[in-house]
Amino acid sequence: MIFEISIIVLALVFSLILFKSDKHIFKKFGLALIAVLLFEYFTQALWLNKGLAPWAYLYLDVSWIIGLGWATIIIVMRSITDMYFPSFSNRLKFFINLILIGIVGFFAEWVVLGLDIREYSEAVKNTLSGITIGPVPIEAIYYIPVFMALVLSFNLYWESLLNINESKLKRKSSK
């Protein structure tokens, strides 16, 4: 239960910090969570989320806690990109976000595998090369950005459809 509470606290803390500079952060967060949960639902046969508290699951082993963790990573990395690269094109920001989310996501995968919260299905295990970085299969370097490209595209599309404005994050001057 410590893992679940930690994810909730981290999500709340980051949301409140980001709310100061982006009044739409909760809407963006909600869309990111919906996107992650939808993609998790449709890919649930690839992995098993186990060992979480019973209230942390929505359906079978689809966990809203795991979804909340991914949504937090997405929103925080997007905010960092907006803050440090405000003049970059949206296309370039998209790829920067994929890189940042991929790096942080790789270590998040390391944590859930290390805590024995996640394991891969037999079908996935049979296709893996057997090469790992820590407990994480090397294939995650490819898989996480691909998964996140779908989630991020979904998220950005619905934000534009719902007219959720760009964040107003500004890099603080060093004066």
C-alpha atoms as a PDB file:
ATOM      1  CA  MET A   1       0.000   0.000   0.000  1.00  0.00           C
ATOM      2  CA  ILE A   2       3.029   2.282   0.366  1.00  0.00           C
ATOM      3  CA  PHE A   3       3.562   2.244  -3.408  1.00  0.00           C
ATOM      4  CA  GLU A   4      -0.050   3.204  -4.123  1.00  0.00           C
ATOM      5  CA  ILE A   5      -0.070   6.060  -1.615  1.00  0.00           C
ATOM      6  CA  SER A   6       3.299   7.298  -2.904  1.00  0.00           C
ATOM      7  CA  ILE A   7       1.939   7.521  -6.461  1.00  0.00           C
ATOM      8  CA  ILE A   8      -1.163   9.405  -5.289  1.00  0.00           C
ATOM      9  CA  VAL A   9       0.916  11.851  -3.225  1.00  0.00           C
ATOM     10  CA  LEU A  10       3.385  12.449  -6.073  1.00  0.00           C
ATOM     11  CA  ALA A  11       0.524  13.068  -8.519  1.00  0.00           C
ATOM     12  CA  LEU A  12      -1.119  15.543  -6.131  1.00  0.00           C
ATOM     13  CA  VAL A  13       2.111  17.380  -5.321  1.00  0.00           C
ATOM     14  CA  PHE A  14       3.112  17.759  -8.976  1.00  0.00           C
ATOM     15  CA  SER A  15      -0.430  18.801  -9.957  1.00  0.00           C
ATOM     16  CA  LEU A  16      -0.550  21.490  -7.299  1.00  0.00           C
ATOM     17  CA  ILE A  17       2.905  22.792  -8.202  1.00  0.00           C
ATOM     18  CA  LEU A  18       2.007  22.919 -11.909  1.00  0.00           C
ATOM     19  CA  PHE A  19      -1.407  24.493 -11.218  1.00  0.00           C
ATOM     20  CA  LYS A  20       0.366  27.714 -10.232  1.00  0.00           C
ATOM     21  CA  SER A  21       1.541  28.195 -13.812  1.00  0.00           C
ATOM     22  CA  ASP A  22      -1.093  26.249 -15.765  1.00  0.00           C
ATOM     23  CA  LYS A  23      -4.723  26.574 -14.716  1.00  0.00           C
ATOM     24  CA  HIS A  24      -5.684  23.755 -17.114  1.00  0.00           C
ATOM     25  CA  ILE A  25      -3.346  21.209 -15.549  1.00  0.00           C
ATOM     26  CA  PHE A  26      -6.141  19.154 -13.981  1.00  0.00           C
ATOM     27  CA  LYS A  27      -7.946  18.862 -17.329  1.00  0.00           C
ATOM     28  CA  LYS A  28      -4.681  17.865 -19.011  1.00  0.00           C
ATOM     29  CA  PHE A  29      -3.997  15.410 -16.218  1.00  0.00           C
ATOM     30  CA  GLY A  30      -7.456  13.883 -16.579  1.00  0.00           C
ATOM     31  CA  LEU A  31      -7.009  13.455 -20.332  1.00  0.00           C
ATOM     32  CA  ALA A  32      -3.581  11.886 -19.823  1.00  0.00           C
ATOM     33  CA  LEU A  33      -5.034   9.450 -17.275  1.00  0.00           C
ATOM     34  CA  ILE A  34      -7.897   8.504 -19.613  1.00  0.00           C
ATOM     35  CA  ALA A  35      -5.445   7.990 -22.481  1.00  0.00           C
ATOM     36  CA  VAL A  36      -3.131   5.789 -20.419  1.00  0.00           C
ATOM     37  CA  LEU A  37      -5.997   3.713 -19.029  1.00  0.00           C
ATOM     38  CA  LEU A  38      -7.506   3.171 -22.485  1.00  0.00           C
ATOM     39  CA  PHE A  39      -4.207   2.003 -23.926  1.00  0.00           C
ATOM     40  CA  GLU A  40      -3.510  -0.125 -20.849  1.00  0.00           C
ATOM     41  CA  TYR A  41      -6.902  -1.754 -21.211  1.00  0.00           C
ATOM     42  CA  PHE A  42      -6.307  -2.647 -24.851  1.00  0.00           C
ATOM     43  CA  THR A  43      -2.788  -3.943 -24.200  1.00  0.00           C
ATOM     44  CA  GLN A  44      -3.453  -5.681 -20.873  1.00  0.00           C
ATOM     45  CA  ALA A  45      -2.562  -9.072 -22.315  1.00  0.00           C
ATOM     46  CA  LEU A  46       1.069  -7.954 -22.572  1.00  0.00           C
ATOM     47  CA  TRP A  47       1.759  -7.651 -18.855  1.00  0.00           C
ATOM     48  CA  LEU A  48       0.454  -8.475 -15.412  1.00  0.00           C
ATOM     49  CA  ASN A  49       0.085  -5.839 -12.720  1.00  0.00           C
ATOM     50  CA  LYS A  50       0.014  -7.671  -9.426  1.00  0.00           C
ATOM     51  CA  GLY A  51       0.531  -7.162  -5.737  1.00  0.00           C
ATOM     52  CA  LEU A  52      -1.281  -3.840  -5.512  1.00  0.00           C
ATOM     53  CA  ALA A  53      -4.048  -3.153  -3.022  1.00  0.00           C
ATOM     54  CA  PRO A  54      -7.450  -4.397  -4.266  1.00  0.00           C
ATOM     55  CA  TRP A  55      -8.775  -0.815  -4.604  1.00  0.00           C
ATOM     56  CA  ALA A  56      -5.950   0.010  -7.062  1.00  0.00           C
ATOM     57  CA  TYR A  57      -7.504  -2.027  -9.901  1.00  0.00           C
ATOM     58  CA  LEU A  58     -10.239  -1.017 -12.327  1.00  0.00           C
ATOM     59  CA  TYR A  59     -10.644  -4.183 -14.343  1.00  0.00           C
ATOM     60  CA  LEU A  60      -8.726  -7.450 -14.126  1.00  0.00           C
ATOM     61  CA  ASP A  61      -5.130  -6.224 -13.720  1.00  0.00           C
ATOM     62  CA  VAL A  62      -5.646  -2.736 -15.205  1.00  0.00           C
ATOM     63  CA  SER A  63      -4.579  -0.450 -12.380  1.00  0.00           C
ATOM     64  CA  TRP A  64      -5.590   3.168 -12.067  1.00  0.00           C
ATOM     65  CA  ILE A  65      -2.547   3.632  -9.790  1.00  0.00           C
ATOM     66  CA  ILE A  66      -0.174   2.550 -12.565  1.00  0.00           C
ATOM     67  CA  GLY A  67      -2.154   4.799 -14.940  1.00  0.00           C
ATOM     68  CA  LEU A  68      -1.863   7.685 -12.495  1.00  0.00           C
ATOM     69  CA  GLY A  69       1.893   7.176 -12.336  1.00  0.00           C
ATOM     70  CA  TRP A  70       2.203   7.262 -16.138  1.00  0.00           C
ATOM     71  CA  ALA A  71      -0.111  10.301 -16.369  1.00  0.00           C
ATOM     72  CA  THR A  72       2.087  12.101 -13.833  1.00  0.00           C
ATOM     73  CA  ILE A  73       5.196  11.332 -15.858  1.00  0.00           C
ATOM     74  CA  ILE A  74       3.511  12.594 -19.033  1.00  0.00           C
ATOM     75  CA  ILE A  75       2.225  15.848 -17.538  1.00  0.00           C
ATOM     76  CA  VAL A  76       5.442  16.680 -15.692  1.00  0.00           C
ATOM     77  CA  MET A  77       7.645  15.991 -18.731  1.00  0.00           C
ATOM     78  CA  ARG A  78       5.344  18.042 -20.966  1.00  0.00           C
ATOM     79  CA  SER A  79       5.499  20.917 -18.486  1.00  0.00           C
ATOM     80  CA  ILE A  80       9.291  20.742 -18.375  1.00  0.00           C
ATOM     81  CA  THR A  81       9.414  20.787 -22.173  1.00  0.00           C
ATOM     82  CA  ASP A  82       7.061  23.789 -22.306  1.00  0.00           C
ATOM     83  CA  MET A  83       9.122  25.591 -19.684  1.00  0.00           C
ATOM     84  CA  TYR A  84      12.586  25.036 -21.144  1.00  0.00           C
ATOM     85  CA  PHE A  85      11.774  24.955 -24.862  1.00  0.00           C
ATOM     86  CA  PRO A  86       8.924  27.473 -25.298  1.00  0.00           C
ATOM     87  CA  SER A  87      10.001  28.658 -28.744  1.00  0.00           C
ATOM     88  CA  PHE A  88      10.415  25.165 -30.231  1.00  0.00           C
ATOM     89  CA  SER A  89       7.851  23.932 -32.735  1.00  0.00           C
ATOM     90  CA  ASN A  90       5.127  21.590 -31.509  1.00  0.00           C
ATOM     91  CA  ARG A  91       6.647  18.813 -33.616  1.00  0.00           C
ATOM     92  CA  LEU A  92      10.034  19.197 -31.926  1.00  0.00           C
ATOM     93  CA  LYS A  93       8.392  19.446 -28.484  1.00  0.00           C
ATOM     94  CA  PHE A  94       6.561  16.191 -29.223  1.00  0.00           C
ATOM     95  CA  PHE A  95       9.853  14.370 -29.817  1.00  0.00           C
ATOM     96  CA  ILE A  96      11.520  15.987 -26.791  1.00  0.00           C
ATOM     97  CA  ASN A  97       8.548  14.804 -24.713  1.00  0.00           C
ATOM     98  CA  LEU A  98       8.946  11.271 -26.067  1.00  0.00           C
ATOM     99  CA  ILE A  99      12.622  11.249 -25.118  1.00  0.00           C
ATOM    100  CA  LEU A 100      11.994  12.606 -21.611  1.00  0.00           C
ATOM    101  CA  ILE A 101       8.992  10.341 -20.993  1.00  0.00           C
ATOM    102  CA  GLY A 102      10.969   7.395 -22.361  1.00  0.00           C
ATOM    103  CA  ILE A 103      13.868   7.998 -19.980  1.00  0.00           C
ATOM    104  CA  VAL A 104      11.716   8.533 -16.888  1.00  0.00           C
ATOM    105  CA  GLY A 105       9.356   5.735 -17.967  1.00  0.00           C
ATOM    106  CA  PHE A 106      12.272   3.312 -18.288  1.00  0.00           C
ATOM    107  CA  PHE A 107      13.228   3.945 -14.660  1.00  0.00           C
ATOM    108  CA  ALA A 108       9.574   3.754 -13.578  1.00  0.00           C
ATOM    109  CA  GLU A 109       9.406   0.342 -15.269  1.00  0.00           C
ATOM    110  CA  TRP A 110      12.581  -0.587 -13.378  1.00  0.00           C
ATOM    111  CA  VAL A 111      10.825   0.309 -10.111  1.00  0.00           C
ATOM    112  CA  VAL A 112       7.618  -1.657 -10.771  1.00  0.00           C
ATOM    113  CA  LEU A 113       9.579  -4.685 -11.975  1.00  0.00           C
ATOM    114  CA  GLY A 114      11.942  -4.415  -9.013  1.00  0.00           C
ATOM    115  CA  LEU A 115       9.039  -4.214  -6.574  1.00  0.00           C
ATOM    116  CA  ASP A 116       7.484  -7.255  -8.285  1.00  0.00           C
ATOM    117  CA  ILE A 117       4.379  -5.228  -9.135  1.00  0.00           C
ATOM    118  CA  ARG A 118       4.675  -5.940 -12.853  1.00  0.00           C
ATOM    119  CA  GLU A 119       5.679  -8.946 -14.865  1.00  0.00           C
ATOM    120  CA  TYR A 120       5.324  -9.751 -18.544  1.00  0.00           C
ATOM    121  CA  SER A 121       2.996 -12.310 -20.045  1.00  0.00           C
ATOM    122  CA  GLU A 122       4.404 -15.577 -21.381  1.00  0.00           C
ATOM    123  CA  ALA A 123       3.772 -14.410 -24.955  1.00  0.00           C
ATOM    124  CA  VAL A 124       5.904 -11.321 -24.346  1.00  0.00           C
ATOM    125  CA  LYS A 125       8.608 -13.275 -22.506  1.00  0.00           C
ATOM    126  CA  ASN A 126       8.862 -15.620 -25.486  1.00  0.00           C
ATOM    127  CA  THR A 127       9.605 -12.722 -27.842  1.00  0.00           C
ATOM    128  CA  LEU A 128      12.130 -10.879 -25.644  1.00  0.00           C
ATOM    129  CA  SER A 129      15.820 -11.086 -26.487  1.00  0.00           C
ATOM    130  CA  GLY A 130      16.810 -11.862 -22.913  1.00  0.00           C
ATOM    131  CA  ILE A 131      19.032  -8.773 -22.779  1.00  0.00           C
ATOM    132  CA  THR A 132      18.162  -6.586 -19.808  1.00  0.00           C
ATOM    133  CA  ILE A 133      19.275  -3.361 -18.229  1.00  0.00           C
ATOM    134  CA  GLY A 134      18.703  -4.113 -14.578  1.00  0.00           C
ATOM    135  CA  PRO A 135      15.366  -5.907 -14.511  1.00  0.00           C
ATOM    136  CA  VAL A 136      14.060  -4.107 -17.614  1.00  0.00           C
ATOM    137  CA  PRO A 137      14.175  -5.827 -21.008  1.00  0.00           C
ATOM    138  CA  ILE A 138      16.163  -3.864 -23.573  1.00  0.00           C
ATOM    139  CA  GLU A 139      13.043  -3.842 -25.772  1.00  0.00           C
ATOM    140  CA  ALA A 140      11.528  -1.277 -23.380  1.00  0.00           C
ATOM    141  CA  ILE A 141      13.818   1.332 -24.962  1.00  0.00           C
ATOM    142  CA  TYR A 142      11.680   0.923 -28.085  1.00  0.00           C
ATOM    143  CA  TYR A 143       8.346  -0.025 -26.557  1.00  0.00           C
ATOM    144  CA  ILE A 144       7.930   2.819 -24.044  1.00  0.00           C
ATOM    145  CA  PRO A 145       8.349   5.642 -26.607  1.00  0.00           C
ATOM    146  CA  VAL A 146       6.027   3.860 -29.074  1.00  0.00           C
ATOM    147  CA  PHE A 147       3.348   3.388 -26.407  1.00  0.00           C
ATOM    148  CA  MET A 148       3.808   6.972 -25.258  1.00  0.00           C
ATOM    149  CA  ALA A 149       3.632   8.320 -28.833  1.00  0.00           C
ATOM    150  CA  LEU A 150       0.120   6.874 -29.030  1.00  0.00           C
ATOM    151  CA  VAL A 151      -0.874   8.184 -25.603  1.00  0.00           C
ATOM    152  CA  LEU A 152       0.671  11.612 -26.201  1.00  0.00           C
ATOM    153  CA  SER A 153      -0.994  11.935 -29.618  1.00  0.00           C
ATOM    154  CA  PHE A 154      -4.367  11.030 -28.106  1.00  0.00           C
ATOM    155  CA  ASN A 155      -3.803  13.528 -25.336  1.00  0.00           C
ATOM    156  CA  LEU A 156      -2.742  16.405 -27.592  1.00  0.00           C
ATOM    157  CA  TYR A 157      -5.583  15.756 -30.029  1.00  0.00           C
ATOM    158  CA  TRP A 158      -8.245  15.877 -27.321  1.00  0.00           C
ATOM    159  CA  GLU A 159      -6.683  18.953 -25.712  1.00  0.00           C
ATOM    160  CA  SER A 160      -6.955  20.776 -29.039  1.00  0.00           C
ATOM    161  CA  LEU A 161     -10.520  19.525 -29.550  1.00  0.00           C
ATOM    162  CA  LEU A 162     -11.562  20.685 -26.074  1.00  0.00           C
ATOM    163  CA  ASN A 163      -9.716  24.016 -26.464  1.00  0.00           C
ATOM    164  CA  ILE A 164      -7.497  23.463 -23.476  1.00  0.00           C
ATOM    165  CA  ASN A 165      -5.002  26.274 -23.816  1.00  0.00           C
ATOM    166  CA  GLU A 166      -1.261  25.877 -23.897  1.00  0.00           C
ATOM    167  CA  SER A 167       0.360  26.186 -20.498  1.00  0.00           C
ATOM    168  CA  LYS A 168       1.755  29.533 -19.481  1.00  0.00           C
ATOM    169  CA  LEU A 169       4.946  28.092 -18.043  1.00  0.00           C
ATOM    170  CA  LYS A 170       7.826  30.524 -18.279  1.00  0.00           C
ATOM    171  CA  ARG A 171      11.432  29.906 -17.478  1.00  0.00           C
ATOM    172  CA  LYS A 172      12.466  32.143 -14.616  1.00  0.00           C
ATOM    173  CA  SER A 173      15.124  34.624 -15.528  1.00  0.00           C
ATOM    174  CA  SER A 174      18.416  34.424 -13.726  1.00  0.00           C
ATOM    175  CA  LYS A 175      18.473  38.157 -12.945  1.00  0.00           C
END
